[in-house]
Every structure is written in C-alpha cells, then in structure tokens.
Amino acid sequence: FGLGIKELWQVDPARHRPGLVQHSFGWPLDNSTGGGSFLYHLEDNQVV
C-alpha cells in the first residue's frame, strides 16, 4: 500500500497550464523511502 495525500488549489491564471501533468520522485523522501508526487492542471485555474 501507499498513502496518497492531496490538495486542490486555485492558482494565479498566469501560472495555470490546462492539461499539464507533472510527476516527480526524490526529495523530500530519502532514497530508502519509496514514493513520489503528482501535480495536475485541471480547468478553471485549478491544480491538484
């Protein structure tokens, strides 16, 4: 299992890119701790 923690944000329209999907791994988790991030741009200047 993993534990997924998520927030929904309303962001500045100038920073919003509808349909952008970004995944990352590494910091802040150390190399022995598995996991990774997700950052998705929805419509209406919303980002998860």
ModelCIF file with pLDDT and N, C-alpha, C, O atoms, coordinates in Angstrom:
data_MODEL
#
_entry.id   MODEL 
#
_entity.id                         1 
_entity.type                       polymer 
_entity.pdbx_number_of_molecules   1 
#
_entity_poly.entity_id                      1 
_entity_poly.type                           'polypeptide(L)' 
_entity_poly.nstd_linkage                   no 
_entity_poly.nstd_monomer                   no 
_entity_poly.pdbx_seq_one_letter_code       FGLGIKELWQVDPARHRPGLVQHSFGWPLDNSTGGGSFLYHLEDNQVV 
_entity_poly.pdbx_seq_one_letter_code_can   FGLGIKELWQVDPARHRPGLVQHSFGWPLDNSTGGGSFLYHLEDNQVV 
_entity_poly.pdbx_strand_id                 A 
#
loop_
_entity_poly_seq.entity_id 
_entity_poly_seq.num 
_entity_poly_seq.mon_id 
_entity_poly_seq.hetero 
1 1  PHE n 
1 2  GLY n 
1 3  LEU n 
1 4  GLY n 
1 5  ILE n 
1 6  LYS n 
1 7  GLU n 
1 8  LEU n 
1 9  TRP n 
1 10 GLN n 
1 11 VAL n 
1 12 ASP n 
1 13 PRO n 
1 14 ALA n 
1 15 ARG n 
1 16 HIS n 
1 17 ARG n 
1 18 PRO n 
1 19 GLY n 
1 20 LEU n 
1 21 VAL n 
1 22 GLN n 
1 23 HIS n 
1 24 SER n 
1 25 PHE n 
1 26 GLY n 
1 27 TRP n 
1 28 PRO n 
1 29 LEU n 
1 30 ASP n 
1 31 ASN n 
1 32 SER n 
1 33 THR n 
1 34 GLY n 
1 35 GLY n 
1 36 GLY n 
1 37 SER n 
1 38 PHE n 
1 39 LEU n 
1 40 TYR n 
1 41 HIS n 
1 42 LEU n 
1 43 GLU n 
1 44 ASP n 
1 45 ASN n 
1 46 GLN n 
1 47 VAL n 
1 48 VAL n 
#
_struct_asym.id          A 
_struct_asym.entity_id   1 
#
loop_
_ma_qa_metric.id 
_ma_qa_metric.mode 
_ma_qa_metric.name 
_ma_qa_metric.software_group_id 
_ma_qa_metric.type 
1 global pLDDT . pLDDT 
2 local  pLDDT . pLDDT 
#
_ma_qa_metric_global.metric_id      1 
_ma_qa_metric_global.metric_value   97.02 
_ma_qa_metric_global.model_id       1 
_ma_qa_metric_global.ordinal_id     1 
#
loop_
_ma_qa_metric_local.label_asym_id 
_ma_qa_metric_local.label_comp_id 
_ma_qa_metric_local.label_seq_id 
_ma_qa_metric_local.metric_id 
_ma_qa_metric_local.metric_value 
_ma_qa_metric_local.model_id 
_ma_qa_metric_local.ordinal_id 
A PHE 1  2 98.00 1 1  
A GLY 2  2 98.00 1 2  
A LEU 3  2 98.00 1 3  
A GLY 4  2 98.00 1 4  
A ILE 5  2 98.00 1 5  
A LYS 6  2 98.00 1 6  
A GLU 7  2 98.00 1 7  
A LEU 8  2 98.00 1 8  
A TRP 9  2 98.00 1 9  
A GLN 10 2 98.00 1 10 
A VAL 11 2 98.00 1 11 
A ASP 12 2 97.00 1 12 
A PRO 13 2 97.00 1 13 
A ALA 14 2 97.00 1 14 
A ARG 15 2 97.00 1 15 
A HIS 16 2 98.00 1 16 
A ARG 17 2 97.00 1 17 
A PRO 18 2 97.00 1 18 
A GLY 19 2 98.00 1 19 
A LEU 20 2 98.00 1 20 
A VAL 21 2 97.00 1 21 
A GLN 22 2 97.00 1 22 
A HIS 23 2 97.00 1 23 
A SER 24 2 96.00 1 24 
A PHE 25 2 94.00 1 25 
A GLY 26 2 96.00 1 26 
A TRP 27 2 97.00 1 27 
A PRO 28 2 97.00 1 28 
A LEU 29 2 97.00 1 29 
A ASP 30 2 95.00 1 30 
A ASN 31 2 94.00 1 31 
A SER 32 2 94.00 1 32 
A THR 33 2 97.00 1 33 
A GLY 34 2 96.00 1 34 
A GLY 35 2 97.00 1 35 
A GLY 36 2 96.00 1 36 
A SER 37 2 97.00 1 37 
A PHE 38 2 97.00 1 38 
A LEU 39 2 97.00 1 39 
A TYR 40 2 98.00 1 40 
A HIS 41 2 98.00 1 41 
A LEU 42 2 97.00 1 42 
A GLU 43 2 96.00 1 43 
A ASP 44 2 96.00 1 44 
A ASN 45 2 97.00 1 45 
A GLN 46 2 97.00 1 46 
A VAL 47 2 98.00 1 47 
A VAL 48 2 98.00 1 48 
#
loop_
_atom_site.group_PDB 
_atom_site.id 
_atom_site.type_symbol 
_atom_site.label_atom_id 
_atom_site.label_alt_id 
_atom_site.label_comp_id 
_atom_site.label_asym_id 
_atom_site.label_entity_id 
_atom_site.label_seq_id 
_atom_site.pdbx_PDB_ins_code 
_atom_site.Cartn_x 
_atom_site.Cartn_y 
_atom_site.Cartn_z 
_atom_site.occupancy 
_atom_site.B_iso_or_equiv 
_atom_site.pdbx_formal_charge 
_atom_site.auth_seq_id 
_atom_site.auth_comp_id 
_atom_site.auth_asym_id 
_atom_site.auth_atom_id 
_atom_site.pdbx_PDB_model_num 
ATOM 1   N N  . PHE A 1 1  ? 0.826   -1.208 0.000   1.00 98.00 ? 1  PHE A N  1 
ATOM 2   C CA . PHE A 1 1  ? 0.000   0.000  0.000   1.00 98.00 ? 1  PHE A CA 1 
ATOM 3   C C  . PHE A 1 1  ? 0.858   1.254  0.000   1.00 98.00 ? 1  PHE A C  1 
ATOM 4   O O  . PHE A 1 1  ? 2.020   1.236  0.408   1.00 98.00 ? 1  PHE A O  1 
ATOM 5   N N  . GLY A 1 2  ? 0.269   2.328  -0.461  1.00 98.00 ? 2  GLY A N  1 
ATOM 6   C CA . GLY A 1 2  ? 0.832   3.658  -0.300  1.00 98.00 ? 2  GLY A CA 1 
ATOM 7   C C  . GLY A 1 2  ? -0.220  4.548  0.331   1.00 98.00 ? 2  GLY A C  1 
ATOM 8   O O  . GLY A 1 2  ? -1.407  4.223  0.318   1.00 98.00 ? 2  GLY A O  1 
ATOM 9   N N  . LEU A 1 3  ? 0.213   5.671  0.884   1.00 98.00 ? 3  LEU A N  1 
ATOM 10  C CA . LEU A 1 3  ? -0.710  6.680  1.386   1.00 98.00 ? 3  LEU A CA 1 
ATOM 11  C C  . LEU A 1 3  ? -0.618  7.881  0.462   1.00 98.00 ? 3  LEU A C  1 
ATOM 12  O O  . LEU A 1 3  ? 0.441   8.494  0.331   1.00 98.00 ? 3  LEU A O  1 
ATOM 13  N N  . GLY A 1 4  ? -1.726  8.213  -0.176  1.00 98.00 ? 4  GLY A N  1 
ATOM 14  C CA . GLY A 1 4  ? -1.778  9.379  -1.051  1.00 98.00 ? 4  GLY A CA 1 
ATOM 15  C C  . GLY A 1 4  ? -2.422  10.549 -0.333  1.00 98.00 ? 4  GLY A C  1 
ATOM 16  O O  . GLY A 1 4  ? -3.521  10.426 0.208   1.00 98.00 ? 4  GLY A O  1 
ATOM 17  N N  . ILE A 1 5  ? -1.734  11.691 -0.330  1.00 98.00 ? 5  ILE A N  1 
ATOM 18  C CA . ILE A 1 5  ? -2.241  12.909 0.295   1.00 98.00 ? 5  ILE A CA 1 
ATOM 19  C C  . ILE A 1 5  ? -2.370  13.963 -0.797  1.00 98.00 ? 5  ILE A C  1 
ATOM 20  O O  . ILE A 1 5  ? -1.460  14.123 -1.610  1.00 98.00 ? 5  ILE A O  1 
ATOM 21  N N  . LYS A 1 6  ? -3.471  14.671 -0.824  1.00 98.00 ? 6  LYS A N  1 
ATOM 22  C CA . LYS A 1 6  ? -3.792  15.539 -1.960  1.00 98.00 ? 6  LYS A CA 1 
ATOM 23  C C  . LYS A 1 6  ? -4.417  16.847 -1.504  1.00 98.00 ? 6  LYS A C  1 
ATOM 24  O O  . LYS A 1 6  ? -5.153  16.894 -0.517  1.00 98.00 ? 6  LYS A O  1 
ATOM 25  N N  . GLU A 1 7  ? -4.114  17.895 -2.232  1.00 98.00 ? 7  GLU A N  1 
ATOM 26  C CA . GLU A 1 7  ? -4.776  19.191 -2.060  1.00 98.00 ? 7  GLU A CA 1 
ATOM 27  C C  . GLU A 1 7  ? -5.253  19.694 -3.410  1.00 98.00 ? 7  GLU A C  1 
ATOM 28  O O  . GLU A 1 7  ? -4.660  19.396 -4.447  1.00 98.00 ? 7  GLU A O  1 
ATOM 29  N N  . LEU A 1 8  ? -6.326  20.455 -3.383  1.00 98.00 ? 8  LEU A N  1 
ATOM 30  C CA . LEU A 1 8  ? -6.840  21.147 -4.560  1.00 98.00 ? 8  LEU A CA 1 
ATOM 31  C C  . LEU A 1 8  ? -6.623  22.645 -4.351  1.00 98.00 ? 8  LEU A C  1 
ATOM 32  O O  . LEU A 1 8  ? -6.975  23.195 -3.307  1.00 98.00 ? 8  LEU A O  1 
ATOM 33  N N  . TRP A 1 9  ? -6.041  23.296 -5.356  1.00 98.00 ? 9  TRP A N  1 
ATOM 34  C CA . TRP A 1 9  ? -5.700  24.718 -5.275  1.00 98.00 ? 9  TRP A CA 1 
ATOM 35  C C  . TRP A 1 9  ? -6.340  25.490 -6.421  1.00 98.00 ? 9  TRP A C  1 
ATOM 36  O O  . TRP A 1 9  ? -6.531  24.967 -7.519  1.00 98.00 ? 9  TRP A O  1 
ATOM 37  N N  . GLN A 1 10 ? -6.665  26.746 -6.137  1.00 98.00 ? 10 GLN A N  1 
ATOM 38  C CA . GLN A 1 10 ? -6.976  27.732 -7.172  1.00 98.00 ? 10 GLN A CA 1 
ATOM 39  C C  . GLN A 1 10 ? -5.728  28.574 -7.336  1.00 98.00 ? 10 GLN A C  1 
ATOM 40  O O  . GLN A 1 10 ? -5.284  29.204 -6.377  1.00 98.00 ? 10 GLN A O  1 
ATOM 41  N N  . VAL A 1 11 ? -5.149  28.601 -8.529  1.00 98.00 ? 11 VAL A N  1 
ATOM 42  C CA . VAL A 1 11 ? -3.871  29.277 -8.722  1.00 98.00 ? 11 VAL A CA 1 
ATOM 43  C C  . VAL A 1 11 ? -4.028  30.504 -9.609  1.00 98.00 ? 11 VAL A C  1 
ATOM 44  O O  . VAL A 1 11 ? -5.049  30.685 -10.272 1.00 98.00 ? 11 VAL A O  1 
ATOM 45  N N  . ASP A 1 12 ? -3.007  31.332 -9.607  1.00 97.00 ? 12 ASP A N  1 
ATOM 46  C CA . ASP A 1 12 ? -2.941  32.504 -10.466 1.00 97.00 ? 12 ASP A CA 1 
ATOM 47  C C  . ASP A 1 12 ? -3.101  32.064 -11.924 1.00 97.00 ? 12 ASP A C  1 
ATOM 48  O O  . ASP A 1 12 ? -2.377  31.174 -12.370 1.00 97.00 ? 12 ASP A O  1 
ATOM 49  N N  . PRO A 1 13 ? -4.026  32.662 -12.673 1.00 97.00 ? 13 PRO A N  1 
ATOM 50  C CA . PRO A 1 13 ? -4.224  32.261 -14.071 1.00 97.00 ? 13 PRO A CA 1 
ATOM 51  C C  . PRO A 1 13 ? -2.947  32.314 -14.908 1.00 97.00 ? 13 PRO A C  1 
ATOM 52  O O  . PRO A 1 13 ? -2.794  31.554 -15.864 1.00 97.00 ? 13 PRO A O  1 
ATOM 53  N N  . ALA A 1 14 ? -2.031  33.213 -14.546 1.00 97.00 ? 14 ALA A N  1 
ATOM 54  C CA . ALA A 1 14 ? -0.786  33.327 -15.305 1.00 97.00 ? 14 ALA A CA 1 
ATOM 55  C C  . ALA A 1 14 ? 0.098   32.104 -15.126 1.00 97.00 ? 14 ALA A C  1 
ATOM 56  O O  . ALA A 1 14 ? 0.983   31.854 -15.945 1.00 97.00 ? 14 ALA A O  1 
ATOM 57  N N  . ARG A 1 15 ? -0.130  31.340 -14.067 1.00 97.00 ? 15 ARG A N  1 
ATOM 58  C CA . ARG A 1 15 ? 0.678   30.153 -13.785 1.00 97.00 ? 15 ARG A CA 1 
ATOM 59  C C  . ARG A 1 15 ? -0.024  28.852 -14.176 1.00 97.00 ? 15 ARG A C  1 
ATOM 60  O O  . ARG A 1 15 ? 0.537   27.767 -14.022 1.00 97.00 ? 15 ARG A O  1 
ATOM 61  N N  . HIS A 1 16 ? -1.227  28.964 -14.671 1.00 98.00 ? 16 HIS A N  1 
ATOM 62  C CA . HIS A 1 16 ? -2.030  27.789 -14.953 1.00 98.00 ? 16 HIS A CA 1 
ATOM 63  C C  . HIS A 1 16 ? -1.784  27.289 -16.373 1.00 98.00 ? 16 HIS A C  1 
ATOM 64  O O  . HIS A 1 16 ? -1.756  28.076 -17.319 1.00 98.00 ? 16 HIS A O  1 
ATOM 65  N N  . ARG A 1 17 ? -1.605  25.966 -16.518 1.00 97.00 ? 17 ARG A N  1 
ATOM 66  C CA . ARG A 1 17 ? -1.375  25.336 -17.809 1.00 97.00 ? 17 ARG A CA 1 
ATOM 67  C C  . ARG A 1 17 ? -2.331  24.158 -17.961 1.00 97.00 ? 17 ARG A C  1 
ATOM 68  O O  . ARG A 1 17 ? -1.954  23.030 -17.642 1.00 97.00 ? 17 ARG A O  1 
ATOM 69  N N  . PRO A 1 18 ? -3.563  24.382 -18.439 1.00 97.00 ? 18 PRO A N  1 
ATOM 70  C CA . PRO A 1 18 ? -4.541  23.289 -18.508 1.00 97.00 ? 18 PRO A CA 1 
ATOM 71  C C  . PRO A 1 18 ? -3.982  22.055 -19.215 1.00 97.00 ? 18 PRO A C  1 
ATOM 72  O O  . PRO A 1 18 ? -3.454  22.143 -20.323 1.00 97.00 ? 18 PRO A O  1 
ATOM 73  N N  . GLY A 1 19 ? -4.108  20.917 -18.558 1.00 98.00 ? 19 GLY A N  1 
ATOM 74  C CA . GLY A 1 19 ? -3.658  19.656 -19.132 1.00 98.00 ? 19 GLY A CA 1 
ATOM 75  C C  . GLY A 1 19 ? -2.223  19.287 -18.837 1.00 98.00 ? 19 GLY A C  1 
ATOM 76  O O  . GLY A 1 19 ? -1.774  18.216 -19.247 1.00 98.00 ? 19 GLY A O  1 
ATOM 77  N N  . LEU A 1 20 ? -1.481  20.140 -18.134 1.00 98.00 ? 20 LEU A N  1 
ATOM 78  C CA . LEU A 1 20 ? -0.108  19.800 -17.759 1.00 98.00 ? 20 LEU A CA 1 
ATOM 79  C C  . LEU A 1 20 ? -0.125  18.733 -16.666 1.00 98.00 ? 20 LEU A C  1 
ATOM 80  O O  . LEU A 1 20 ? -0.826  18.873 -15.664 1.00 98.00 ? 20 LEU A O  1 
ATOM 81  N N  . VAL A 1 21 ? 0.644   17.677 -16.865 1.00 97.00 ? 21 VAL A N  1 
ATOM 82  C CA . VAL A 1 21 ? 0.753   16.582 -15.900 1.00 97.00 ? 21 VAL A CA 1 
ATOM 83  C C  . VAL A 1 21 ? 2.223   16.454 -15.517 1.00 97.00 ? 21 VAL A C  1 
ATOM 84  O O  . VAL A 1 21 ? 3.076   16.230 -16.376 1.00 97.00 ? 21 VAL A O  1 
ATOM 85  N N  . GLN A 1 22 ? 2.515   16.596 -14.235 1.00 97.00 ? 22 GLN A N  1 
ATOM 86  C CA . GLN A 1 22 ? 3.906   16.533 -13.767 1.00 97.00 ? 22 GLN A CA 1 
ATOM 87  C C  . GLN A 1 22 ? 4.030   15.519 -12.637 1.00 97.00 ? 22 GLN A C  1 
ATOM 88  O O  . GLN A 1 22 ? 3.262   15.549 -11.675 1.00 97.00 ? 22 GLN A O  1 
ATOM 89  N N  . HIS A 1 23 ? 5.004   14.625 -12.763 1.00 97.00 ? 23 HIS A N  1 
ATOM 90  C CA . HIS A 1 23 ? 5.324   13.667 -11.709 1.00 97.00 ? 23 HIS A CA 1 
ATOM 91  C C  . HIS A 1 23 ? 6.772   13.863 -11.290 1.00 97.00 ? 23 HIS A C  1 
ATOM 92  O O  . HIS A 1 23 ? 7.623   14.224 -12.102 1.00 97.00 ? 23 HIS A O  1 
ATOM 93  N N  . SER A 1 24 ? 7.039   13.621 -10.020 1.00 96.00 ? 24 SER A N  1 
ATOM 94  C CA . SER A 1 24 ? 8.419   13.726 -9.555  1.00 96.00 ? 24 SER A CA 1 
ATOM 95  C C  . SER A 1 24 ? 8.703   12.645 -8.530  1.00 96.00 ? 24 SER A C  1 
ATOM 96  O O  . SER A 1 24 ? 7.786   12.069 -7.945  1.00 96.00 ? 24 SER A O  1 
ATOM 97  N N  . PHE A 1 25 ? 9.978   12.379 -8.322  1.00 94.00 ? 25 PHE A N  1 
ATOM 98  C CA . PHE A 1 25 ? 10.421  11.494 -7.250  1.00 94.00 ? 25 PHE A CA 1 
ATOM 99  C C  . PHE A 1 25 ? 11.705  12.071 -6.681  1.00 94.00 ? 25 PHE A C  1 
ATOM 100 O O  . PHE A 1 25 ? 12.313  12.967 -7.266  1.00 94.00 ? 25 PHE A O  1 
ATOM 101 N N  . GLY A 1 26 ? 12.107  11.548 -5.540  1.00 96.00 ? 26 GLY A N  1 
ATOM 102 C CA . GLY A 1 26 ? 13.265  12.106 -4.849  1.00 96.00 ? 26 GLY A CA 1 
ATOM 103 C C  . GLY A 1 26 ? 12.820  12.929 -3.652  1.00 96.00 ? 26 GLY A C  1 
ATOM 104 O O  . GLY A 1 26 ? 11.887  12.555 -2.941  1.00 96.00 ? 26 GLY A O  1 
ATOM 105 N N  . TRP A 1 27 ? 13.502  14.065 -3.434  1.00 97.00 ? 27 TRP A N  1 
ATOM 106 C CA . TRP A 1 27 ? 13.223  14.923 -2.280  1.00 97.00 ? 27 TRP A CA 1 
ATOM 107 C C  . TRP A 1 27 ? 11.733  15.251 -2.189  1.00 97.00 ? 27 TRP A C  1 
ATOM 108 O O  . TRP A 1 27 ? 11.094  15.467 -3.219  1.00 97.00 ? 27 TRP A O  1 
ATOM 109 N N  . PRO A 1 28 ? 11.163  15.294 -0.974  1.00 97.00 ? 28 PRO A N  1 
ATOM 110 C CA . PRO A 1 28 ? 11.799  15.274 0.343   1.00 97.00 ? 28 PRO A CA 1 
ATOM 111 C C  . PRO A 1 28 ? 12.041  13.872 0.912   1.00 97.00 ? 28 PRO A C  1 
ATOM 112 O O  . PRO A 1 28 ? 12.602  13.744 2.000   1.00 97.00 ? 28 PRO A O  1 
ATOM 113 N N  . LEU A 1 29 ? 11.631  12.823 0.201   1.00 97.00 ? 29 LEU A N  1 
ATOM 114 C CA . LEU A 1 29 ? 11.842  11.471 0.699   1.00 97.00 ? 29 LEU A CA 1 
ATOM 115 C C  . LEU A 1 29 ? 13.278  11.043 0.447   1.00 97.00 ? 29 LEU A C  1 
ATOM 116 O O  . LEU A 1 29 ? 13.856  11.376 -0.588  1.00 97.00 ? 29 LEU A O  1 
ATOM 117 N N  . ASP A 1 30 ? 13.861  10.300 1.397   1.00 95.00 ? 30 ASP A N  1 
ATOM 118 C CA . ASP A 1 30 ? 15.219  9.814  1.178   1.00 95.00 ? 30 ASP A CA 1 
ATOM 119 C C  . ASP A 1 30 ? 15.180  8.599  0.251   1.00 95.00 ? 30 ASP A C  1 
ATOM 120 O O  . ASP A 1 30 ? 14.107  8.102  -0.093  1.00 95.00 ? 30 ASP A O  1 
ATOM 121 N N  . ASN A 1 31 ? 16.345  8.137  -0.142  1.00 94.00 ? 31 ASN A N  1 
ATOM 122 C CA . ASN A 1 31 ? 16.423  7.094  -1.151  1.00 94.00 ? 31 ASN A CA 1 
ATOM 123 C C  . ASN A 1 31 ? 15.827  5.767  -0.692  1.00 94.00 ? 31 ASN A C  1 
ATOM 124 O O  . ASN A 1 31 ? 15.439  4.945  -1.522  1.00 94.00 ? 31 ASN A O  1 
ATOM 125 N N  . SER A 1 32 ? 15.751  5.551  0.615   1.00 94.00 ? 32 SER A N  1 
ATOM 126 C CA . SER A 1 32 ? 15.208  4.291  1.124   1.00 94.00 ? 32 SER A CA 1 
ATOM 127 C C  . SER A 1 32 ? 13.700  4.351  1.359   1.00 94.00 ? 32 SER A C  1 
ATOM 128 O O  . SER A 1 32 ? 13.097  3.354  1.757   1.00 94.00 ? 32 SER A O  1 
ATOM 129 N N  . THR A 1 33 ? 13.092  5.495  1.118   1.00 97.00 ? 33 THR A N  1 
ATOM 130 C CA . THR A 1 33 ? 11.654  5.655  1.331   1.00 97.00 ? 33 THR A CA 1 
ATOM 131 C C  . THR A 1 33 ? 10.974  5.863  -0.011  1.00 97.00 ? 33 THR A C  1 
ATOM 132 O O  . THR A 1 33 ? 11.204  6.870  -0.680  1.00 97.00 ? 33 THR A O  1 
ATOM 133 N N  . GLY A 1 34 ? 10.143  4.920  -0.401  1.00 96.00 ? 34 GLY A N  1 
ATOM 134 C CA . GLY A 1 34 ? 9.502   4.988  -1.706  1.00 96.00 ? 34 GLY A CA 1 
ATOM 135 C C  . GLY A 1 34 ? 8.379   5.995  -1.748  1.00 96.00 ? 34 GLY A C  1 
ATOM 136 O O  . GLY A 1 34 ? 7.716   6.255  -0.743  1.00 96.00 ? 34 GLY A O  1 
ATOM 137 N N  . GLY A 1 35 ? 8.175   6.555  -2.915  1.00 97.00 ? 35 GLY A N  1 
ATOM 138 C CA . GLY A 1 35 ? 7.075   7.487  -3.100  1.00 97.00 ? 35 GLY A CA 1 
ATOM 139 C C  . GLY A 1 35 ? 7.360   8.475  -4.208  1.00 97.00 ? 35 GLY A C  1 
ATOM 140 O O  . GLY A 1 35 ? 8.423   8.438  -4.828  1.00 97.00 ? 35 GLY A O  1 
ATOM 141 N N  . GLY A 1 36 ? 6.412   9.354  -4.454  1.00 96.00 ? 36 GLY A N  1 
ATOM 142 C CA . GLY A 1 36 ? 6.571   10.367 -5.482  1.00 96.00 ? 36 GLY A CA 1 
ATOM 143 C C  . GLY A 1 36 ? 5.384   11.301 -5.490  1.00 96.00 ? 36 GLY A C  1 
ATOM 144 O O  . GLY A 1 36 ? 4.380   11.066 -4.817  1.00 96.00 ? 36 GLY A O  1 
ATOM 145 N N  . SER A 1 37 ? 5.515   12.369 -6.264  1.00 97.00 ? 37 SER A N  1 
ATOM 146 C CA . SER A 1 37 ? 4.484   13.405 -6.267  1.00 97.00 ? 37 SER A CA 1 
ATOM 147 C C  . SER A 1 37 ? 3.710   13.415 -7.570  1.00 97.00 ? 37 SER A C  1 
ATOM 148 O O  . SER A 1 37 ? 4.134   12.836 -8.570  1.00 97.00 ? 37 SER A O  1 
ATOM 149 N N  . PHE A 1 38 ? 2.574   14.078 -7.541  1.00 97.00 ? 38 PHE A N  1 
ATOM 150 C CA . PHE A 1 38 ? 1.832   14.372 -8.764  1.00 97.00 ? 38 PHE A CA 1 
ATOM 151 C C  . PHE A 1 38 ? 1.324   15.804 -8.686  1.00 97.00 ? 38 PHE A C  1 
ATOM 152 O O  . PHE A 1 38 ? 1.004   16.310 -7.610  1.00 97.00 ? 38 PHE A O  1 
ATOM 153 N N  . LEU A 1 39 ? 1.257   16.436 -9.829  1.00 97.00 ? 39 LEU A N  1 
ATOM 154 C CA . LEU A 1 39 ? 0.796   17.818 -9.932  1.00 97.00 ? 39 LEU A CA 1 
ATOM 155 C C  . LEU A 1 39 ? 0.083   17.949 -11.276 1.00 97.00 ? 39 LEU A C  1 
ATOM 156 O O  . LEU A 1 39 ? 0.712   17.894 -12.332 1.00 97.00 ? 39 LEU A O  1 
ATOM 157 N N  . TYR A 1 40 ? -1.249  18.123 -11.221 1.00 98.00 ? 40 TYR A N  1 
ATOM 158 C CA . TYR A 1 40 ? -2.065  18.106 -12.427 1.00 98.00 ? 40 TYR A CA 1 
ATOM 159 C C  . TYR A 1 40 ? -2.852  19.411 -12.541 1.00 98.00 ? 40 TYR A C  1 
ATOM 160 O O  . TYR A 1 40 ? -3.429  19.887 -11.563 1.00 98.00 ? 40 TYR A O  1 
ATOM 161 N N  . HIS A 1 41 ? -2.868  19.980 -13.742 1.00 98.00 ? 41 HIS A N  1 
ATOM 162 C CA . HIS A 1 41 ? -3.612  21.212 -14.004 1.00 98.00 ? 41 HIS A CA 1 
ATOM 163 C C  . HIS A 1 41 ? -4.974  20.862 -14.608 1.00 98.00 ? 41 HIS A C  1 
ATOM 164 O O  . HIS A 1 41 ? -5.057  20.346 -15.723 1.00 98.00 ? 41 HIS A O  1 
ATOM 165 N N  . LEU A 1 42 ? -6.027  21.147 -13.863 1.00 97.00 ? 42 LEU A N  1 
ATOM 166 C CA . LEU A 1 42 ? -7.404  20.972 -14.319 1.00 97.00 ? 42 LEU A CA 1 
ATOM 167 C C  . LEU A 1 42 ? -7.851  22.209 -15.099 1.00 97.00 ? 42 LEU A C  1 
ATOM 168 O O  . LEU A 1 42 ? -7.030  23.036 -15.496 1.00 97.00 ? 42 LEU A O  1 
ATOM 169 N N  . GLU A 1 43 ? -9.155  22.322 -15.312 1.00 96.00 ? 43 GLU A N  1 
ATOM 170 C CA . GLU A 1 43 ? -9.717  23.521 -15.899 1.00 96.00 ? 43 GLU A CA 1 
ATOM 171 C C  . GLU A 1 43 ? -9.957  24.578 -14.810 1.00 96.00 ? 43 GLU A C  1 
ATOM 172 O O  . GLU A 1 43 ? -9.750  24.302 -13.629 1.00 96.00 ? 43 GLU A O  1 
ATOM 173 N N  . ASP A 1 44 ? -10.385 25.772 -15.195 1.00 96.00 ? 44 ASP A N  1 
ATOM 174 C CA . ASP A 1 44 ? -10.795 26.834 -14.273 1.00 96.00 ? 44 ASP A CA 1 
ATOM 175 C C  . ASP A 1 44 ? -9.701  27.219 -13.281 1.00 96.00 ? 44 ASP A C  1 
ATOM 176 O O  . ASP A 1 44 ? -9.990  27.509 -12.120 1.00 96.00 ? 44 ASP A O  1 
ATOM 177 N N  . ASN A 1 45 ? -8.452  27.223 -13.731 1.00 97.00 ? 45 ASN A N  1 
ATOM 178 C CA . ASN A 1 45 ? -7.311  27.650 -12.898 1.00 97.00 ? 45 ASN A CA 1 
ATOM 179 C C  . ASN A 1 45 ? -7.137  26.793 -11.645 1.00 97.00 ? 45 ASN A C  1 
ATOM 180 O O  . ASN A 1 45 ? -6.602  27.258 -10.639 1.00 97.00 ? 45 ASN A O  1 
ATOM 181 N N  . GLN A 1 46 ? -7.586  25.557 -11.707 1.00 97.00 ? 46 GLN A N  1 
ATOM 182 C CA . GLN A 1 46 ? -7.433  24.650 -10.573 1.00 97.00 ? 46 GLN A CA 1 
ATOM 183 C C  . GLN A 1 46 ? -6.280  23.669 -10.821 1.00 97.00 ? 46 GLN A C  1 
ATOM 184 O O  . GLN A 1 46 ? -6.065  23.192 -11.936 1.00 97.00 ? 46 GLN A O  1 
ATOM 185 N N  . VAL A 1 47 ? -5.561  23.393 -9.752  1.00 98.00 ? 47 VAL A N  1 
ATOM 186 C CA . VAL A 1 47 ? -4.427  22.472 -9.786  1.00 98.00 ? 47 VAL A CA 1 
ATOM 187 C C  . VAL A 1 47 ? -4.549  21.513 -8.610  1.00 98.00 ? 47 VAL A C  1 
ATOM 188 O O  . VAL A 1 47 ? -4.863  21.927 -7.494  1.00 98.00 ? 47 VAL A O  1 
ATOM 189 N N  . VAL A 1 48 ? -4.298  20.224 -8.863  1.00 98.00 ? 48 VAL A N  1 
ATOM 190 C CA . VAL A 1 48 ? -4.231  19.261 -7.765  1.00 98.00 ? 48 VAL A CA 1 
ATOM 191 C C  . VAL A 1 48 ? -2.767  18.898 -7.554  1.00 98.00 ? 48 VAL A C  1 
ATOM 192 O O  . VAL A 1 48 ? -2.450  18.096 -6.675  1.00 98.00 ? 48 VAL A O  1 
#
